[in-house]
Amino acid sequence: MKITIISWKDERWSADKETLSGINEMIKKKSKPIKVKWKKTWEPTSLIDKCAIGFGWLIISPFVLSEVIIQGFIWLAKKIKRK
């Protein structure tokens, strides 16, 4: 018979308020806020970009809306036929 035992040592660290405040200040000095680079590239910044996106939505939305309505009617017809 083979028995395997896994254990670990529970070490808890404690510090007073002065030490904790010192550690927090060191962390704040060293760490900088994370800047997301990809977000800036995907945001439409100029008026031309915003107009192009709006125009694209105006062109595409009727097709999407009609497809949703058609699929809704098909689903409703199937539900009615079952009953």
N, C-alpha and C. Protein backbone atom coordinates (compact mmCIF):
# COMPACT_ATOMS: atom_id res chain seq x y z
N MET A 1 0.84 -1.17 0.00
CA MET A 1 0.00 0.00 0.00
C MET A 1 0.90 1.24 0.00
N LYS A 2 0.53 2.20 -0.85
CA LYS A 2 1.32 3.42 -0.96
C LYS A 2 0.48 4.58 -0.43
N ILE A 3 1.03 5.32 0.50
CA ILE A 3 0.33 6.47 1.09
C ILE A 3 1.14 7.72 0.81
N THR A 4 0.45 8.73 0.28
CA THR A 4 1.09 10.01 0.00
C THR A 4 0.48 11.07 0.89
N ILE A 5 1.31 11.82 1.57
CA ILE A 5 0.84 12.88 2.44
C ILE A 5 1.36 14.21 1.91
N ILE A 6 0.43 15.14 1.72
CA ILE A 6 0.81 16.48 1.26
C ILE A 6 0.47 17.45 2.39
N SER A 7 1.45 18.23 2.79
CA SER A 7 1.19 19.21 3.84
C SER A 7 1.95 20.50 3.52
N TRP A 8 1.59 21.53 4.21
CA TRP A 8 2.27 22.79 4.03
C TRP A 8 2.34 23.50 5.37
N LYS A 9 3.27 24.42 5.44
CA LYS A 9 3.46 25.18 6.67
C LYS A 9 2.67 26.47 6.56
N ASP A 10 1.86 26.73 7.53
CA ASP A 10 1.04 27.94 7.52
C ASP A 10 1.82 29.07 8.18
N GLU A 11 2.35 29.95 7.35
CA GLU A 11 3.11 31.09 7.87
C GLU A 11 2.28 32.35 7.67
N ARG A 12 2.04 33.02 8.73
CA ARG A 12 1.30 34.27 8.66
C ARG A 12 2.21 35.39 9.13
N TRP A 13 2.22 36.43 8.36
CA TRP A 13 3.07 37.57 8.69
C TRP A 13 2.19 38.67 9.25
N SER A 14 2.71 39.37 10.20
CA SER A 14 1.97 40.49 10.76
C SER A 14 2.90 41.69 10.88
N ALA A 15 2.29 42.85 10.83
CA ALA A 15 3.06 44.09 10.95
C ALA A 15 2.19 45.14 11.62
N ASP A 16 2.85 46.12 12.20
CA ASP A 16 2.08 47.19 12.82
C ASP A 16 1.62 48.19 11.76
N LYS A 17 0.82 49.16 12.16
CA LYS A 17 0.24 50.11 11.20
C LYS A 17 1.31 50.97 10.54
N GLU A 18 2.34 51.33 11.26
CA GLU A 18 3.41 52.17 10.69
C GLU A 18 4.14 51.42 9.58
N THR A 19 4.45 50.15 9.82
CA THR A 19 5.14 49.36 8.81
C THR A 19 4.26 49.16 7.58
N LEU A 20 2.97 48.89 7.80
CA LEU A 20 2.06 48.72 6.68
C LEU A 20 1.92 49.98 5.86
N SER A 21 1.85 51.12 6.52
CA SER A 21 1.75 52.38 5.76
C SER A 21 3.03 52.63 4.98
N GLY A 22 4.19 52.27 5.54
CA GLY A 22 5.45 52.41 4.81
C GLY A 22 5.49 51.50 3.60
N ILE A 23 5.01 50.28 3.74
CA ILE A 23 4.98 49.34 2.62
C ILE A 23 4.03 49.84 1.54
N ASN A 24 2.87 50.35 1.93
CA ASN A 24 1.91 50.87 0.96
C ASN A 24 2.47 52.06 0.20
N GLU A 25 3.21 52.94 0.88
CA GLU A 25 3.82 54.08 0.20
C GLU A 25 4.87 53.63 -0.81
N MET A 26 5.66 52.60 -0.45
CA MET A 26 6.66 52.08 -1.39
C MET A 26 5.99 51.48 -2.61
N ILE A 27 4.89 50.77 -2.41
CA ILE A 27 4.17 50.17 -3.54
C ILE A 27 3.61 51.25 -4.44
N LYS A 28 3.04 52.30 -3.85
CA LYS A 28 2.47 53.39 -4.65
C LYS A 28 3.53 54.11 -5.46
N LYS A 29 4.73 54.27 -4.90
CA LYS A 29 5.80 54.96 -5.62
C LYS A 29 6.30 54.12 -6.79
N LYS A 30 6.39 52.80 -6.58
CA LYS A 30 6.97 51.93 -7.61
C LYS A 30 5.98 51.59 -8.71
N SER A 31 4.72 51.43 -8.36
CA SER A 31 3.77 50.98 -9.37
C SER A 31 3.11 52.16 -10.07
N LYS A 32 3.02 52.05 -11.36
CA LYS A 32 2.34 53.06 -12.17
C LYS A 32 1.02 52.47 -12.64
N PRO A 33 0.02 53.30 -12.89
CA PRO A 33 -1.24 52.76 -13.40
C PRO A 33 -1.05 52.12 -14.78
N ILE A 34 -1.75 51.04 -15.00
CA ILE A 34 -1.65 50.31 -16.26
C ILE A 34 -2.40 51.08 -17.34
N LYS A 35 -1.71 51.34 -18.44
CA LYS A 35 -2.34 52.03 -19.57
C LYS A 35 -2.66 51.00 -20.65
N VAL A 36 -3.87 51.03 -21.12
CA VAL A 36 -4.29 50.10 -22.16
C VAL A 36 -4.04 50.76 -23.51
N LYS A 37 -3.17 50.16 -24.30
CA LYS A 37 -2.80 50.75 -25.58
C LYS A 37 -3.82 50.45 -26.67
N TRP A 38 -4.42 49.25 -26.65
CA TRP A 38 -5.32 48.87 -27.73
C TRP A 38 -6.59 49.67 -27.70
N LYS A 39 -6.99 50.17 -26.55
CA LYS A 39 -8.24 50.92 -26.46
C LYS A 39 -8.16 52.21 -27.26
N LYS A 40 -7.01 52.84 -27.23
CA LYS A 40 -6.85 54.10 -27.96
C LYS A 40 -6.90 53.90 -29.48
N THR A 41 -6.40 52.77 -29.94
CA THR A 41 -6.37 52.55 -31.38
C THR A 41 -7.75 52.22 -31.93
N TRP A 42 -8.64 51.65 -31.11
CA TRP A 42 -9.95 51.26 -31.59
C TRP A 42 -11.00 52.34 -31.41
N GLU A 43 -10.72 53.37 -30.65
CA GLU A 43 -11.70 54.43 -30.44
C GLU A 43 -11.72 55.36 -31.65
N PRO A 44 -12.91 55.66 -32.15
CA PRO A 44 -12.97 56.64 -33.24
C PRO A 44 -12.70 58.03 -32.69
N THR A 45 -11.67 58.65 -33.19
CA THR A 45 -11.28 59.93 -32.62
C THR A 45 -11.76 61.11 -33.46
N SER A 46 -11.70 60.98 -34.75
CA SER A 46 -12.05 62.12 -35.58
C SER A 46 -13.53 62.08 -35.95
N LEU A 47 -14.02 63.18 -36.42
CA LEU A 47 -15.42 63.29 -36.82
C LEU A 47 -15.71 62.40 -38.03
N ILE A 48 -14.74 62.25 -38.90
CA ILE A 48 -14.91 61.41 -40.09
C ILE A 48 -15.10 59.94 -39.67
N ASP A 49 -14.32 59.50 -38.69
CA ASP A 49 -14.46 58.12 -38.21
C ASP A 49 -15.84 57.89 -37.61
N LYS A 50 -16.30 58.83 -36.81
CA LYS A 50 -17.61 58.69 -36.17
C LYS A 50 -18.73 58.70 -37.22
N CYS A 51 -18.60 59.54 -38.22
CA CYS A 51 -19.61 59.59 -39.29
C CYS A 51 -19.61 58.29 -40.10
N ALA A 52 -18.44 57.75 -40.36
CA ALA A 52 -18.34 56.50 -41.11
C ALA A 52 -18.99 55.35 -40.34
N ILE A 53 -18.76 55.30 -39.04
CA ILE A 53 -19.37 54.24 -38.22
C ILE A 53 -20.89 54.40 -38.20
N GLY A 54 -21.37 55.63 -38.03
CA GLY A 54 -22.81 55.88 -38.02
C GLY A 54 -23.45 55.53 -39.35
N PHE A 55 -22.80 55.88 -40.44
CA PHE A 55 -23.31 55.57 -41.77
C PHE A 55 -23.34 54.06 -42.00
N GLY A 56 -22.33 53.37 -41.52
CA GLY A 56 -22.29 51.91 -41.64
C GLY A 56 -23.43 51.26 -40.88
N TRP A 57 -23.72 51.76 -39.68
CA TRP A 57 -24.84 51.23 -38.92
C TRP A 57 -26.16 51.51 -39.61
N LEU A 58 -26.30 52.66 -40.22
CA LEU A 58 -27.54 52.96 -40.94
C LEU A 58 -27.74 52.04 -42.13
N ILE A 59 -26.66 51.66 -42.77
CA ILE A 59 -26.77 50.78 -43.93
C ILE A 59 -27.04 49.34 -43.51
N ILE A 60 -26.36 48.87 -42.48
CA ILE A 60 -26.45 47.46 -42.09
C ILE A 60 -27.66 47.16 -41.22
N SER A 61 -28.11 48.10 -40.39
CA SER A 61 -29.16 47.81 -39.42
C SER A 61 -30.48 47.33 -40.03
N PRO A 62 -30.94 47.84 -41.17
CA PRO A 62 -32.20 47.30 -41.72
C PRO A 62 -32.12 45.81 -42.06
N PHE A 63 -30.98 45.37 -42.56
CA PHE A 63 -30.82 43.96 -42.91
C PHE A 63 -30.81 43.10 -41.65
N VAL A 64 -30.13 43.56 -40.63
CA VAL A 64 -30.09 42.81 -39.37
C VAL A 64 -31.48 42.78 -38.75
N LEU A 65 -32.16 43.91 -38.74
CA LEU A 65 -33.49 43.98 -38.15
C LEU A 65 -34.48 43.10 -38.91
N SER A 66 -34.42 43.11 -40.23
CA SER A 66 -35.33 42.26 -41.00
C SER A 66 -35.06 40.78 -40.74
N GLU A 67 -33.80 40.42 -40.60
CA GLU A 67 -33.45 39.03 -40.34
C GLU A 67 -33.97 38.60 -38.97
N VAL A 68 -33.87 39.47 -37.98
CA VAL A 68 -34.38 39.16 -36.64
C VAL A 68 -35.90 39.00 -36.67
N ILE A 69 -36.58 39.87 -37.39
CA ILE A 69 -38.04 39.79 -37.47
C ILE A 69 -38.48 38.51 -38.18
N ILE A 70 -37.81 38.16 -39.26
CA ILE A 70 -38.14 36.94 -40.00
C ILE A 70 -37.93 35.70 -39.12
N GLN A 71 -36.79 35.65 -38.44
CA GLN A 71 -36.52 34.52 -37.56
C GLN A 71 -37.52 34.45 -36.41
N GLY A 72 -37.96 35.60 -35.93
CA GLY A 72 -38.97 35.64 -34.87
C GLY A 72 -40.29 35.07 -35.34
N PHE A 73 -40.71 35.44 -36.57
CA PHE A 73 -41.96 34.90 -37.11
C PHE A 73 -41.86 33.39 -37.36
N ILE A 74 -40.74 32.93 -37.84
CA ILE A 74 -40.54 31.49 -38.05
C ILE A 74 -40.65 30.75 -36.72
N TRP A 75 -39.99 31.28 -35.67
CA TRP A 75 -40.04 30.66 -34.36
C TRP A 75 -41.46 30.65 -33.81
N LEU A 76 -42.18 31.77 -34.01
CA LEU A 76 -43.56 31.86 -33.52
C LEU A 76 -44.47 30.87 -34.26
N ALA A 77 -44.27 30.72 -35.58
CA ALA A 77 -45.07 29.78 -36.36
C ALA A 77 -44.82 28.34 -35.89
N LYS A 78 -43.58 28.00 -35.57
CA LYS A 78 -43.26 26.66 -35.06
C LYS A 78 -43.95 26.42 -33.72
N LYS A 79 -43.96 27.43 -32.86
CA LYS A 79 -44.61 27.30 -31.54
C LYS A 79 -46.11 27.11 -31.70
N ILE A 80 -46.72 27.83 -32.64
CA ILE A 80 -48.17 27.72 -32.85
C ILE A 80 -48.52 26.35 -33.44
N LYS A 81 -47.70 25.84 -34.37
CA LYS A 81 -47.97 24.54 -34.98
C LYS A 81 -47.86 23.40 -33.97
N ARG A 82 -47.01 23.54 -32.96
CA ARG A 82 -46.85 22.49 -31.96
C ARG A 82 -48.11 22.35 -31.12
N LYS A 83 -48.79 23.44 -30.87
CA LYS A 83 -50.00 23.39 -30.01
C LYS A 83 -51.17 23.05 -30.81
